[in-house]
């Protein structure tokens, strides 16, 4: 992990502001979902990208009954039920 060289304080509500240069660089816009990950004693922010609930793939995701499923797992489900 490479440090960005930016220090921000946490406000009373626990918020921090991401600098515009970082938001622009990582294509993060107002209202975009952000995933918060913990790795050891590091907190990692990532743009949220849906993952398949079965295999964790991020490729070719479809929404099915408010769940994210990749097309391959959906095909396998259809074969199993078919």
C-alpha atoms as a PDB file:
ATOM      1  CA  UNK A   1       0.000   0.000   0.000  1.00  0.00           C
ATOM      2  CA  UNK A   2       1.458   3.340  -1.045  1.00  0.00           C
ATOM      3  CA  UNK A   3       0.748   6.357   1.205  1.00  0.00           C
ATOM      4  CA  UNK A   4      -1.046   9.236  -0.512  1.00  0.00           C
ATOM      5  CA  UNK A   5       0.711  11.859   1.618  1.00  0.00           C
ATOM      6  CA  UNK A   6      -2.596  13.352   2.784  1.00  0.00           C
ATOM      7  CA  UNK A   7      -3.676  13.652   6.417  1.00  0.00           C
ATOM      8  CA  UNK A   8      -7.309  14.295   7.361  1.00  0.00           C
ATOM      9  CA  UNK A   9      -8.966  14.513  10.780  1.00  0.00           C
ATOM     10  CA  UNK A  10     -12.041  12.506  11.697  1.00  0.00           C
ATOM     11  CA  UNK A  11     -14.968  14.816  12.537  1.00  0.00           C
ATOM     12  CA  UNK A  12     -17.451  14.442  15.430  1.00  0.00           C
ATOM     13  CA  UNK A  13     -19.626  12.091  13.378  1.00  0.00           C
ATOM     14  CA  UNK A  14     -16.690   9.864  12.396  1.00  0.00           C
ATOM     15  CA  UNK A  15     -16.434  11.234   8.852  1.00  0.00           C
ATOM     16  CA  UNK A  16     -13.384  12.071   6.802  1.00  0.00           C
ATOM     17  CA  UNK A  17     -13.219  13.954   3.516  1.00  0.00           C
ATOM     18  CA  UNK A  18     -11.385  12.327   0.628  1.00  0.00           C
ATOM     19  CA  UNK A  19      -9.402  14.928  -1.292  1.00  0.00           C
ATOM     20  CA  UNK A  20     -10.814  15.824  -4.700  1.00  0.00           C
ATOM     21  CA  UNK A  21      -7.595  14.692  -6.398  1.00  0.00           C
ATOM     22  CA  UNK A  22      -8.032  11.160  -4.974  1.00  0.00           C
ATOM     23  CA  UNK A  23     -11.749  11.035  -5.796  1.00  0.00           C
ATOM     24  CA  UNK A  24     -10.964  12.077  -9.361  1.00  0.00           C
ATOM     25  CA  UNK A  25      -8.042   9.659  -9.701  1.00  0.00           C
ATOM     26  CA  UNK A  26     -10.137   6.713  -8.497  1.00  0.00           C
ATOM     27  CA  UNK A  27     -13.346   7.827 -10.247  1.00  0.00           C
ATOM     28  CA  UNK A  28     -15.325   8.236  -7.019  1.00  0.00           C
ATOM     29  CA  UNK A  29     -18.327  10.542  -7.362  1.00  0.00           C
ATOM     30  CA  UNK A  30     -20.816  11.923  -4.874  1.00  0.00           C
ATOM     31  CA  UNK A  31     -23.282   9.200  -3.946  1.00  0.00           C
ATOM     32  CA  UNK A  32     -21.084   6.313  -5.127  1.00  0.00           C
ATOM     33  CA  UNK A  33     -21.024   3.335  -2.762  1.00  0.00           C
ATOM     34  CA  UNK A  34     -17.690   2.739  -1.004  1.00  0.00           C
ATOM     35  CA  UNK A  35     -16.665  -0.558   0.542  1.00  0.00           C
ATOM     36  CA  UNK A  36     -14.726  -0.476   3.820  1.00  0.00           C
ATOM     37  CA  UNK A  37     -12.311  -3.369   4.261  1.00  0.00           C
ATOM     38  CA  UNK A  38     -10.054  -4.227   7.187  1.00  0.00           C
ATOM     39  CA  UNK A  39      -6.717  -5.932   6.643  1.00  0.00           C
ATOM     40  CA  UNK A  40      -4.756  -6.414   9.838  1.00  0.00           C
ATOM     41  CA  UNK A  41      -4.678  -2.962  11.396  1.00  0.00           C
ATOM     42  CA  UNK A  42      -5.285  -1.168   8.069  1.00  0.00           C
ATOM     43  CA  UNK A  43      -8.592   0.281   6.926  1.00  0.00           C
ATOM     44  CA  UNK A  44      -9.003   0.146   3.147  1.00  0.00           C
ATOM     45  CA  UNK A  45     -11.566   2.089   1.132  1.00  0.00           C
ATOM     46  CA  UNK A  46     -12.558   0.791  -2.311  1.00  0.00           C
ATOM     47  CA  UNK A  47     -15.152   1.740  -4.858  1.00  0.00           C
ATOM     48  CA  UNK A  48     -17.894  -0.821  -4.326  1.00  0.00           C
ATOM     49  CA  UNK A  49     -18.176  -3.402  -7.074  1.00  0.00           C
ATOM     50  CA  UNK A  50     -20.794  -6.115  -6.600  1.00  0.00           C
ATOM     51  CA  UNK A  51     -19.511  -9.669  -6.210  1.00  0.00           C
ATOM     52  CA  UNK A  52     -21.302 -12.952  -6.806  1.00  0.00           C
ATOM     53  CA  UNK A  53     -22.753 -14.270  -3.538  1.00  0.00           C
ATOM     54  CA  UNK A  54     -21.635 -17.784  -4.505  1.00  0.00           C
ATOM     55  CA  UNK A  55     -18.145 -17.504  -6.025  1.00  0.00           C
ATOM     56  CA  UNK A  56     -17.158 -13.851  -5.328  1.00  0.00           C
ATOM     57  CA  UNK A  57     -16.552 -13.171  -9.020  1.00  0.00           C
ATOM     58  CA  UNK A  58     -16.945  -9.558 -10.127  1.00  0.00           C
ATOM     59  CA  UNK A  59     -17.406 -10.490 -13.807  1.00  0.00           C
ATOM     60  CA  UNK A  60     -20.756 -10.310 -15.593  1.00  0.00           C
ATOM     61  CA  UNK A  61     -22.886  -9.724 -12.465  1.00  0.00           C
ATOM     62  CA  UNK A  62     -26.682  -9.765 -12.654  1.00  0.00           C
ATOM     63  CA  UNK A  63     -29.180  -8.884  -9.947  1.00  0.00           C
ATOM     64  CA  UNK A  64     -31.538 -11.690  -8.963  1.00  0.00           C
ATOM     65  CA  UNK A  65     -34.035 -11.070  -6.154  1.00  0.00           C
ATOM     66  CA  UNK A  66     -31.813  -8.331  -4.698  1.00  0.00           C
ATOM     67  CA  UNK A  67     -28.727 -10.588  -4.736  1.00  0.00           C
ATOM     68  CA  UNK A  68     -25.689 -10.296  -6.994  1.00  0.00           C
ATOM     69  CA  UNK A  69     -24.974 -13.439  -9.004  1.00  0.00           C
ATOM     70  CA  UNK A  70     -22.486 -13.946 -11.835  1.00  0.00           C
ATOM     71  CA  UNK A  71     -23.843 -15.298 -15.087  1.00  0.00           C
ATOM     72  CA  UNK A  72     -21.834 -18.526 -14.703  1.00  0.00           C
ATOM     73  CA  UNK A  73     -23.351 -19.354 -11.285  1.00  0.00           C
ATOM     74  CA  UNK A  74     -26.797 -18.439 -12.653  1.00  0.00           C
ATOM     75  CA  UNK A  75     -26.283 -20.895 -15.546  1.00  0.00           C
ATOM     76  CA  UNK A  76     -25.207 -23.584 -13.069  1.00  0.00           C
ATOM     77  CA  UNK A  77     -28.330 -22.941 -10.976  1.00  0.00           C
ATOM     78  CA  UNK A  78     -30.519 -23.208 -14.062  1.00  0.00           C
ATOM     79  CA  UNK A  79     -28.858 -26.527 -15.039  1.00  0.00           C
ATOM     80  CA  UNK A  80     -29.307 -27.895 -11.511  1.00  0.00           C
ATOM     81  CA  UNK A  81     -32.978 -26.930 -11.447  1.00  0.00           C
ATOM     82  CA  UNK A  82     -33.622 -27.775 -15.085  1.00  0.00           C
END
